[in-house]
């Protein structure tokens, strides 16, 4: 779908591209509300000081920088998520060097 000026328009709010490298306060609030202020990994309640926002599928791995690809995680789940991503990248780079 396109706007009157021909710019692409998302059919659903979660499909809208988030410009720039950072998530906005409005996007953070939308993600928290979508998840009922609970961790996407373990369902623990999230507090303002302990919430981490990350992309489910990183852009570098083909994930879109959209609201629907963001998730809110507790510190423990975020650490595990980042570990898995690092392991995936280590496997990719290790495979190239063989």
C-alpha atoms as a PDB file:
ATOM      1  CA  UNK A   1       0.000   0.000   0.000  1.00  0.00           C
ATOM      2  CA  UNK A   2       1.204   3.556  -0.695  1.00  0.00           C
ATOM      3  CA  UNK A   3       0.309   6.999   0.605  1.00  0.00           C
ATOM      4  CA  UNK A   4      -0.892   9.839  -1.625  1.00  0.00           C
ATOM      5  CA  UNK A   5       2.758  10.780  -2.190  1.00  0.00           C
ATOM      6  CA  UNK A   6       3.736   7.230  -3.169  1.00  0.00           C
ATOM      7  CA  UNK A   7       5.574   6.425   0.087  1.00  0.00           C
ATOM      8  CA  UNK A   8       4.977   2.907   1.414  1.00  0.00           C
ATOM      9  CA  UNK A   9       2.443   2.693   4.226  1.00  0.00           C
ATOM     10  CA  UNK A  10       2.229  -0.271   6.593  1.00  0.00           C
ATOM     11  CA  UNK A  11      -1.025  -2.211   6.513  1.00  0.00           C
ATOM     12  CA  UNK A  12      -0.674  -2.884  10.253  1.00  0.00           C
ATOM     13  CA  UNK A  13       1.018  -0.787  12.960  1.00  0.00           C
ATOM     14  CA  UNK A  14       3.461  -3.624  13.750  1.00  0.00           C
ATOM     15  CA  UNK A  15       4.652  -3.572  10.125  1.00  0.00           C
ATOM     16  CA  UNK A  16       5.658   0.115  10.196  1.00  0.00           C
ATOM     17  CA  UNK A  17       9.389   0.680   9.819  1.00  0.00           C
ATOM     18  CA  UNK A  18      11.074   2.364  12.763  1.00  0.00           C
ATOM     19  CA  UNK A  19      13.537   4.908  11.358  1.00  0.00           C
ATOM     20  CA  UNK A  20      17.027   5.175  12.779  1.00  0.00           C
ATOM     21  CA  UNK A  21      18.956   2.829  15.008  1.00  0.00           C
ATOM     22  CA  UNK A  22      17.006   3.366  18.220  1.00  0.00           C
ATOM     23  CA  UNK A  23      13.520   2.512  19.427  1.00  0.00           C
ATOM     24  CA  UNK A  24      11.377   5.489  20.439  1.00  0.00           C
ATOM     25  CA  UNK A  25       9.619   5.903  23.776  1.00  0.00           C
ATOM     26  CA  UNK A  26       6.285   5.497  21.971  1.00  0.00           C
ATOM     27  CA  UNK A  27       7.458   2.240  20.368  1.00  0.00           C
ATOM     28  CA  UNK A  28       8.727   0.948  23.727  1.00  0.00           C
ATOM     29  CA  UNK A  29       5.357   1.663  25.297  1.00  0.00           C
ATOM     30  CA  UNK A  30       3.548  -0.077  22.413  1.00  0.00           C
ATOM     31  CA  UNK A  31       5.743  -3.187  22.792  1.00  0.00           C
ATOM     32  CA  UNK A  32       5.184  -3.268  26.559  1.00  0.00           C
ATOM     33  CA  UNK A  33       1.435  -2.910  26.117  1.00  0.00           C
ATOM     34  CA  UNK A  34       1.370  -5.631  23.442  1.00  0.00           C
ATOM     35  CA  UNK A  35       3.173  -7.944  25.880  1.00  0.00           C
ATOM     36  CA  UNK A  36       1.059  -6.845  28.889  1.00  0.00           C
ATOM     37  CA  UNK A  37       4.287  -5.590  30.566  1.00  0.00           C
ATOM     38  CA  UNK A  38       5.652  -9.164  30.679  1.00  0.00           C
ATOM     39  CA  UNK A  39       8.916 -10.635  29.378  1.00  0.00           C
ATOM     40  CA  UNK A  40       8.614 -12.215  25.924  1.00  0.00           C
ATOM     41  CA  UNK A  41      10.957 -14.998  27.059  1.00  0.00           C
ATOM     42  CA  UNK A  42       9.796 -16.083  30.501  1.00  0.00           C
ATOM     43  CA  UNK A  43       6.587 -14.065  31.081  1.00  0.00           C
ATOM     44  CA  UNK A  44       8.035 -12.369  34.211  1.00  0.00           C
ATOM     45  CA  UNK A  45       6.651  -8.896  35.016  1.00  0.00           C
ATOM     46  CA  UNK A  46       8.822  -6.116  33.583  1.00  0.00           C
ATOM     47  CA  UNK A  47       9.785  -2.919  35.379  1.00  0.00           C
ATOM     48  CA  UNK A  48      11.034   0.293  33.796  1.00  0.00           C
ATOM     49  CA  UNK A  49      14.568  -0.093  35.158  1.00  0.00           C
ATOM     50  CA  UNK A  50      15.023  -3.721  34.127  1.00  0.00           C
ATOM     51  CA  UNK A  51      13.472  -3.942  30.655  1.00  0.00           C
ATOM     52  CA  UNK A  52      15.615  -4.608  27.595  1.00  0.00           C
ATOM     53  CA  UNK A  53      14.250  -4.052  24.084  1.00  0.00           C
ATOM     54  CA  UNK A  54      15.663  -6.057  21.239  1.00  0.00           C
ATOM     55  CA  UNK A  55      14.806  -7.353  17.796  1.00  0.00           C
ATOM     56  CA  UNK A  56      13.551 -10.933  17.703  1.00  0.00           C
ATOM     57  CA  UNK A  57      15.352 -11.424  14.385  1.00  0.00           C
ATOM     58  CA  UNK A  58      18.313  -9.020  14.009  1.00  0.00           C
ATOM     59  CA  UNK A  59      18.364  -6.807  10.916  1.00  0.00           C
ATOM     60  CA  UNK A  60      21.740  -8.259   9.972  1.00  0.00           C
ATOM     61  CA  UNK A  61      20.047 -11.690   9.851  1.00  0.00           C
ATOM     62  CA  UNK A  62      17.215 -10.408   7.648  1.00  0.00           C
ATOM     63  CA  UNK A  63      14.819  -9.205  10.342  1.00  0.00           C
ATOM     64  CA  UNK A  64      12.888  -5.996   9.733  1.00  0.00           C
ATOM     65  CA  UNK A  65      13.370  -2.906  11.896  1.00  0.00           C
ATOM     66  CA  UNK A  66       9.643  -2.795  12.636  1.00  0.00           C
ATOM     67  CA  UNK A  67       7.564  -2.585  15.767  1.00  0.00           C
ATOM     68  CA  UNK A  68       6.391  -6.166  15.261  1.00  0.00           C
ATOM     69  CA  UNK A  69       9.965  -7.456  15.348  1.00  0.00           C
ATOM     70  CA  UNK A  70      10.761  -5.778  18.681  1.00  0.00           C
ATOM     71  CA  UNK A  71      10.299  -7.539  21.984  1.00  0.00           C
ATOM     72  CA  UNK A  72      10.737  -6.585  25.621  1.00  0.00           C
ATOM     73  CA  UNK A  73      12.842  -8.928  27.734  1.00  0.00           C
ATOM     74  CA  UNK A  74      13.958  -9.255  31.345  1.00  0.00           C
ATOM     75  CA  UNK A  75      17.754  -9.060  31.922  1.00  0.00           C
ATOM     76  CA  UNK A  76      18.110 -12.870  32.124  1.00  0.00           C
ATOM     77  CA  UNK A  77      16.232 -13.557  28.868  1.00  0.00           C
ATOM     78  CA  UNK A  78      18.010 -10.690  27.100  1.00  0.00           C
ATOM     79  CA  UNK A  79      21.382 -12.136  28.104  1.00  0.00           C
ATOM     80  CA  UNK A  80      20.325 -15.552  26.734  1.00  0.00           C
ATOM     81  CA  UNK A  81      18.983 -13.982  23.542  1.00  0.00           C
ATOM     82  CA  UNK A  82      22.275 -12.146  22.950  1.00  0.00           C
ATOM     83  CA  UNK A  83      24.272 -15.310  23.704  1.00  0.00           C
ATOM     84  CA  UNK A  84      22.300 -17.246  21.067  1.00  0.00           C
ATOM     85  CA  UNK A  85      22.855 -14.492  18.499  1.00  0.00           C
ATOM     86  CA  UNK A  86      26.604 -14.411  19.256  1.00  0.00           C
ATOM     87  CA  UNK A  87      26.737 -18.202  18.876  1.00  0.00           C
ATOM     88  CA  UNK A  88      24.954 -17.961  15.522  1.00  0.00           C
ATOM     89  CA  UNK A  89      27.433 -15.364  14.295  1.00  0.00           C
ATOM     90  CA  UNK A  90      30.389 -17.343  15.621  1.00  0.00           C
ATOM     91  CA  UNK A  91      29.114 -20.355  13.701  1.00  0.00           C
ATOM     92  CA  UNK A  92      28.753 -18.278  10.539  1.00  0.00           C
ATOM     93  CA  UNK A  93      32.249 -16.810  10.764  1.00  0.00           C
ATOM     94  CA  UNK A  94      33.753 -20.148  11.777  1.00  0.00           C
ATOM     95  CA  UNK A  95      32.146 -21.765   8.748  1.00  0.00           C
ATOM     96  CA  UNK A  96      33.690 -19.189   6.389  1.00  0.00           C
ATOM     97  CA  UNK A  97      37.187 -19.776   7.741  1.00  0.00           C
ATOM     98  CA  UNK A  98      37.169 -23.503   6.976  1.00  0.00           C
END
